[in-house]
Amino acid sequence: MAMLLLKKIRRQTAVYWAPSGSYDKHGQKAFSAGVELQVRWQSVTGDEQSETEERTRVMAKVFVGQDVEKGGVFMLGSLDSDVDDENPLSNDGAYVIRDFKYIPTLKNDDVLRMAIL
């Protein structure tokens, strides 16, 4: 039941750019090519306390069906000709993943994955 519910809530499309671990010719962090994922995007405005006890501004919580990396970028929407795939942070509504939560269900038959932007 939990697996079906976690899958059913992901009805929106978002673009995810994973950090590539390298830098471009301008010394900026480089990213892999964007991929479209089915997500549940929950816009929020508020502060959240991190593992290091720092308070940070949270813009959205994104429920995903696969692991994503801190430092990656998410944007609600799809890849089209207007999306800058080489510089994801230049896109309107693109946010850096500040944290990633991996929470098993009570029956341990699935996992809730949530990116904090």
N, C-alpha and C. Protein backbone atom coordinates (compact mmCIF):
# COMPACT_ATOMS: atom_id res chain seq x y z
N MET A 1 0.83 -1.20 0.00
CA MET A 1 0.00 0.00 0.00
C MET A 1 0.86 1.25 0.00
N ALA A 2 1.90 1.28 0.86
CA ALA A 2 2.76 2.46 0.96
C ALA A 2 3.48 2.71 -0.36
N MET A 3 3.94 1.63 -1.02
CA MET A 3 4.66 1.79 -2.29
C MET A 3 3.77 2.44 -3.33
N LEU A 4 2.53 2.01 -3.40
CA LEU A 4 1.60 2.56 -4.37
C LEU A 4 1.32 4.02 -4.07
N LEU A 5 1.11 4.35 -2.81
CA LEU A 5 0.84 5.73 -2.42
C LEU A 5 2.02 6.64 -2.74
N LEU A 6 3.23 6.21 -2.42
CA LEU A 6 4.41 7.03 -2.69
C LEU A 6 4.58 7.26 -4.18
N LYS A 7 4.21 6.29 -5.00
CA LYS A 7 4.31 6.45 -6.44
C LYS A 7 3.20 7.37 -6.97
N LYS A 8 1.99 7.22 -6.43
CA LYS A 8 0.84 8.00 -6.91
C LYS A 8 0.97 9.49 -6.65
N ILE A 9 1.68 9.90 -5.60
CA ILE A 9 1.77 11.32 -5.30
C ILE A 9 2.70 12.06 -6.26
N ARG A 10 3.53 11.34 -7.01
CA ARG A 10 4.48 11.97 -7.92
C ARG A 10 3.82 12.16 -9.29
N ARG A 11 3.08 13.23 -9.44
CA ARG A 11 2.33 13.50 -10.67
C ARG A 11 2.86 14.72 -11.44
N GLN A 12 3.90 15.37 -10.93
CA GLN A 12 4.43 16.55 -11.58
C GLN A 12 5.77 16.22 -12.23
N THR A 13 6.16 17.01 -13.20
CA THR A 13 7.44 16.83 -13.88
C THR A 13 8.40 17.91 -13.42
N ALA A 14 9.63 17.49 -13.12
CA ALA A 14 10.69 18.42 -12.76
C ALA A 14 11.96 17.98 -13.46
N VAL A 15 12.87 18.94 -13.64
CA VAL A 15 14.16 18.65 -14.24
C VAL A 15 15.19 18.61 -13.12
N TYR A 16 16.04 17.58 -13.17
CA TYR A 16 17.10 17.40 -12.18
C TYR A 16 18.45 17.40 -12.88
N TRP A 17 19.36 18.24 -12.37
CA TRP A 17 20.73 18.26 -12.84
C TRP A 17 21.62 17.78 -11.70
N ALA A 18 22.31 16.67 -11.89
CA ALA A 18 23.23 16.14 -10.87
C ALA A 18 24.56 16.88 -10.96
N PRO A 19 25.20 17.11 -9.81
CA PRO A 19 26.53 17.73 -9.88
C PRO A 19 27.50 16.75 -10.54
N SER A 20 28.35 17.26 -11.43
CA SER A 20 29.27 16.37 -12.15
C SER A 20 30.59 16.18 -11.42
N GLY A 21 30.84 17.02 -10.42
CA GLY A 21 32.10 16.92 -9.68
C GLY A 21 33.23 17.68 -10.33
N SER A 22 32.94 18.39 -11.41
CA SER A 22 33.97 19.18 -12.08
C SER A 22 33.50 20.63 -12.20
N TYR A 23 34.34 21.43 -12.84
CA TYR A 23 34.04 22.86 -13.01
C TYR A 23 34.14 23.23 -14.48
N ASP A 24 33.36 24.24 -14.88
CA ASP A 24 33.40 24.68 -16.27
C ASP A 24 34.59 25.62 -16.49
N LYS A 25 34.69 26.17 -17.70
CA LYS A 25 35.83 27.02 -18.06
C LYS A 25 35.85 28.34 -17.28
N HIS A 26 34.74 28.68 -16.63
CA HIS A 26 34.68 29.92 -15.83
C HIS A 26 34.86 29.65 -14.34
N GLY A 27 35.16 28.40 -13.99
CA GLY A 27 35.37 28.05 -12.59
C GLY A 27 34.10 27.80 -11.82
N GLN A 28 32.96 27.72 -12.52
CA GLN A 28 31.67 27.45 -11.88
C GLN A 28 31.44 25.95 -11.81
N LYS A 29 30.71 25.51 -10.80
CA LYS A 29 30.37 24.09 -10.66
C LYS A 29 29.63 23.62 -11.91
N ALA A 30 30.05 22.47 -12.44
CA ALA A 30 29.42 21.91 -13.63
C ALA A 30 28.41 20.85 -13.23
N PHE A 31 27.44 20.62 -14.11
CA PHE A 31 26.36 19.67 -13.86
C PHE A 31 26.23 18.71 -15.03
N SER A 32 25.70 17.52 -14.75
CA SER A 32 25.37 16.57 -15.81
C SER A 32 24.16 17.10 -16.58
N ALA A 33 23.88 16.51 -17.71
CA ALA A 33 22.71 16.92 -18.50
C ALA A 33 21.44 16.71 -17.67
N GLY A 34 20.49 17.58 -17.85
CA GLY A 34 19.24 17.50 -17.10
C GLY A 34 18.41 16.29 -17.51
N VAL A 35 17.69 15.74 -16.53
CA VAL A 35 16.77 14.63 -16.79
C VAL A 35 15.42 14.97 -16.16
N GLU A 36 14.37 14.55 -16.82
CA GLU A 36 13.02 14.76 -16.29
C GLU A 36 12.67 13.64 -15.33
N LEU A 37 12.12 14.01 -14.17
CA LEU A 37 11.67 13.05 -13.17
C LEU A 37 10.23 13.35 -12.79
N GLN A 38 9.49 12.32 -12.41
CA GLN A 38 8.16 12.50 -11.86
C GLN A 38 8.31 12.76 -10.37
N VAL A 39 7.73 13.86 -9.90
CA VAL A 39 7.93 14.30 -8.52
C VAL A 39 6.63 14.80 -7.92
N ARG A 40 6.67 15.08 -6.64
CA ARG A 40 5.63 15.85 -5.95
C ARG A 40 6.36 17.06 -5.41
N TRP A 41 6.07 18.23 -5.96
CA TRP A 41 6.75 19.48 -5.61
C TRP A 41 5.86 20.23 -4.63
N GLN A 42 6.37 20.46 -3.44
CA GLN A 42 5.62 21.18 -2.42
C GLN A 42 6.35 22.49 -2.13
N SER A 43 5.81 23.60 -2.62
CA SER A 43 6.41 24.90 -2.35
C SER A 43 6.18 25.27 -0.90
N VAL A 44 7.22 25.71 -0.25
CA VAL A 44 7.14 26.14 1.14
C VAL A 44 7.99 27.39 1.31
N THR A 45 7.68 28.16 2.30
CA THR A 45 8.51 29.29 2.65
C THR A 45 8.71 29.24 4.14
N GLY A 46 9.94 29.08 4.53
CA GLY A 46 10.23 29.01 5.95
C GLY A 46 11.66 28.60 6.19
N ASP A 47 12.00 28.47 7.44
CA ASP A 47 13.34 28.08 7.83
C ASP A 47 13.32 26.65 8.34
N GLU A 48 14.44 25.97 8.15
CA GLU A 48 14.60 24.62 8.66
C GLU A 48 15.98 24.50 9.28
N GLN A 49 16.06 23.75 10.34
CA GLN A 49 17.33 23.57 11.02
C GLN A 49 18.08 22.39 10.39
N SER A 50 19.34 22.62 10.03
CA SER A 50 20.14 21.57 9.40
C SER A 50 20.80 20.70 10.45
N GLU A 51 21.52 19.68 9.98
CA GLU A 51 22.23 18.77 10.88
C GLU A 51 23.30 19.50 11.69
N THR A 52 23.81 20.60 11.15
CA THR A 52 24.85 21.37 11.84
C THR A 52 24.25 22.49 12.70
N GLU A 53 22.94 22.39 12.94
CA GLU A 53 22.21 23.34 13.80
C GLU A 53 22.05 24.73 13.17
N GLU A 54 22.36 24.88 11.89
CA GLU A 54 22.16 26.16 11.22
C GLU A 54 20.73 26.24 10.70
N ARG A 55 20.19 27.44 10.71
CA ARG A 55 18.85 27.65 10.15
C ARG A 55 19.02 28.16 8.73
N THR A 56 18.33 27.51 7.79
CA THR A 56 18.41 27.90 6.39
C THR A 56 17.01 28.10 5.82
N ARG A 57 16.91 28.95 4.83
CA ARG A 57 15.64 29.23 4.15
C ARG A 57 15.31 28.06 3.22
N VAL A 58 14.11 27.52 3.34
CA VAL A 58 13.65 26.43 2.49
C VAL A 58 12.64 26.99 1.49
N MET A 59 12.84 26.67 0.21
CA MET A 59 11.95 27.14 -0.85
C MET A 59 10.94 26.07 -1.26
N ALA A 60 11.37 24.79 -1.21
CA ALA A 60 10.48 23.71 -1.63
C ALA A 60 10.97 22.38 -1.07
N LYS A 61 10.04 21.44 -0.97
CA LYS A 61 10.34 20.05 -0.66
C LYS A 61 9.86 19.25 -1.85
N VAL A 62 10.75 18.42 -2.39
CA VAL A 62 10.46 17.67 -3.61
C VAL A 62 10.55 16.18 -3.30
N PHE A 63 9.43 15.48 -3.45
CA PHE A 63 9.38 14.04 -3.22
C PHE A 63 9.72 13.35 -4.54
N VAL A 64 10.73 12.48 -4.51
CA VAL A 64 11.25 11.85 -5.72
C VAL A 64 11.24 10.33 -5.58
N GLY A 65 11.39 9.62 -6.68
CA GLY A 65 11.40 8.17 -6.67
C GLY A 65 12.78 7.56 -6.74
N GLN A 66 13.81 8.39 -6.69
CA GLN A 66 15.19 7.91 -6.75
C GLN A 66 16.06 8.84 -5.91
N ASP A 67 17.25 8.37 -5.58
CA ASP A 67 18.17 9.21 -4.83
C ASP A 67 18.66 10.36 -5.71
N VAL A 68 18.82 11.54 -5.11
CA VAL A 68 19.41 12.69 -5.77
C VAL A 68 20.52 13.22 -4.86
N GLU A 69 21.41 14.03 -5.41
CA GLU A 69 22.57 14.47 -4.66
C GLU A 69 22.45 15.90 -4.17
N LYS A 70 22.95 16.13 -2.94
CA LYS A 70 23.09 17.50 -2.45
C LYS A 70 23.97 18.24 -3.43
N GLY A 71 23.65 19.50 -3.65
CA GLY A 71 24.43 20.29 -4.60
C GLY A 71 23.90 20.21 -6.01
N GLY A 72 22.98 19.28 -6.26
CA GLY A 72 22.33 19.21 -7.57
C GLY A 72 21.30 20.32 -7.68
N VAL A 73 20.60 20.37 -8.79
CA VAL A 73 19.63 21.44 -9.04
C VAL A 73 18.32 20.82 -9.50
N PHE A 74 17.21 21.39 -8.99
CA PHE A 74 15.86 21.01 -9.41
C PHE A 74 15.13 22.23 -9.95
N MET A 75 14.29 21.98 -10.95
CA MET A 75 13.41 23.01 -11.49
C MET A 75 12.09 22.35 -11.84
N LEU A 76 10.99 22.92 -11.36
CA LEU A 76 9.67 22.41 -11.70
C LEU A 76 9.39 22.72 -13.16
N GLY A 77 9.00 21.72 -13.93
CA GLY A 77 8.75 21.90 -15.36
C GLY A 77 9.45 20.82 -16.15
N SER A 78 9.50 21.00 -17.46
CA SER A 78 10.11 19.99 -18.32
C SER A 78 11.24 20.59 -19.14
N LEU A 79 12.05 19.72 -19.71
CA LEU A 79 13.12 20.15 -20.61
C LEU A 79 12.49 20.58 -21.92
N ASP A 80 12.71 21.80 -22.31
CA ASP A 80 12.26 22.26 -23.61
C ASP A 80 13.30 23.25 -24.14
N SER A 81 13.02 23.86 -25.26
CA SER A 81 14.01 24.73 -25.91
C SER A 81 14.34 25.97 -25.08
N ASP A 82 13.48 26.35 -24.14
CA ASP A 82 13.74 27.53 -23.31
C ASP A 82 14.63 27.24 -22.11
N VAL A 83 14.91 25.97 -21.81
CA VAL A 83 15.69 25.59 -20.64
C VAL A 83 17.18 25.61 -20.99
N ASP A 84 17.96 26.28 -20.16
CA ASP A 84 19.42 26.31 -20.32
C ASP A 84 19.98 25.07 -19.62
N ASP A 85 20.28 24.04 -20.40
CA ASP A 85 20.74 22.76 -19.85
C ASP A 85 22.19 22.82 -19.39
N GLU A 86 22.96 23.75 -19.94
CA GLU A 86 24.38 23.86 -19.56
C GLU A 86 24.59 24.68 -18.29
N ASN A 87 23.68 25.59 -17.99
CA ASN A 87 23.78 26.43 -16.80
C ASN A 87 22.44 26.41 -16.06
N PRO A 88 22.15 25.32 -15.35
CA PRO A 88 20.81 25.14 -14.78
C PRO A 88 20.37 26.24 -13.82
N LEU A 89 21.30 26.84 -13.10
CA LEU A 89 20.92 27.88 -12.13
C LEU A 89 20.47 29.18 -12.80
N SER A 90 20.67 29.31 -14.11
CA SER A 90 20.19 30.51 -14.81
C SER A 90 18.71 30.40 -15.17
N ASN A 91 18.11 29.22 -14.99
CA ASN A 91 16.69 29.02 -15.29
C ASN A 91 15.83 29.57 -14.16
N ASP A 92 14.72 30.23 -14.52
CA ASP A 92 13.77 30.70 -13.51
C ASP A 92 13.22 29.51 -12.74
N GLY A 93 13.18 29.62 -11.42
CA GLY A 93 12.61 28.56 -10.60
C GLY A 93 13.54 27.39 -10.36
N ALA A 94 14.82 27.53 -10.66
CA ALA A 94 15.80 26.47 -10.40
C ALA A 94 16.43 26.71 -9.04
N TYR A 95 16.52 25.65 -8.23
CA TYR A 95 17.05 25.76 -6.87
C TYR A 95 18.07 24.65 -6.61
N VAL A 96 19.05 24.97 -5.79
CA VAL A 96 20.06 23.99 -5.38
C VAL A 96 19.47 23.08 -4.30
N ILE A 97 19.80 21.80 -4.38
CA ILE A 97 19.38 20.84 -3.36
C ILE A 97 20.27 21.04 -2.14
N ARG A 98 19.68 21.47 -1.04
CA ARG A 98 20.44 21.73 0.19
C ARG A 98 20.56 20.49 1.07
N ASP A 99 19.56 19.61 0.97
CA ASP A 99 19.57 18.41 1.81
C ASP A 99 18.75 17.33 1.10
N PHE A 100 19.00 16.09 1.47
CA PHE A 100 18.26 14.96 0.92
C PHE A 100 17.92 14.02 2.06
N LYS A 101 16.64 13.70 2.20
CA LYS A 101 16.16 12.81 3.26
C LYS A 101 15.76 11.47 2.66
N TYR A 102 16.14 10.40 3.34
CA TYR A 102 15.86 9.03 2.93
C TYR A 102 15.18 8.35 4.12
N ILE A 103 13.85 8.17 4.04
CA ILE A 103 13.07 7.70 5.19
C ILE A 103 12.32 6.42 4.82
N PRO A 104 12.71 5.27 5.40
CA PRO A 104 11.99 4.02 5.12
C PRO A 104 10.57 4.07 5.69
N THR A 105 9.64 3.38 5.02
CA THR A 105 8.28 3.28 5.53
C THR A 105 8.28 2.38 6.77
N LEU A 106 7.18 2.39 7.53
CA LEU A 106 7.09 1.59 8.74
C LEU A 106 7.27 0.09 8.47
N LYS A 107 6.74 -0.40 7.35
CA LYS A 107 6.90 -1.81 7.01
C LYS A 107 8.22 -2.10 6.31
N ASN A 108 9.00 -1.05 6.08
CA ASN A 108 10.30 -1.17 5.43
C ASN A 108 10.19 -1.78 4.03
N ASP A 109 9.06 -1.49 3.34
CA ASP A 109 8.87 -2.02 2.00
C ASP A 109 9.07 -0.95 0.92
N ASP A 110 9.33 0.26 1.33
CA ASP A 110 9.61 1.35 0.40
C ASP A 110 10.31 2.47 1.16
N VAL A 111 10.70 3.49 0.42
CA VAL A 111 11.43 4.60 1.01
C VAL A 111 10.84 5.91 0.51
N LEU A 112 10.65 6.84 1.42
CA LEU A 112 10.26 8.20 1.07
C LEU A 112 11.55 8.98 0.84
N ARG A 113 11.70 9.52 -0.35
CA ARG A 113 12.89 10.30 -0.69
C ARG A 113 12.45 11.75 -0.89
N MET A 114 13.13 12.66 -0.19
CA MET A 114 12.72 14.06 -0.26
C MET A 114 13.95 14.96 -0.38
N ALA A 115 13.94 15.80 -1.40
CA ALA A 115 14.99 16.80 -1.58
C ALA A 115 14.51 18.11 -0.99
N ILE A 116 15.36 18.75 -0.22
CA ILE A 116 15.04 20.05 0.38
C ILE A 116 15.76 21.12 -0.44
N LEU A 117 15.01 22.06 -0.97
CA LEU A 117 15.60 23.13 -1.79
C LEU A 117 15.61 24.45 -1.03
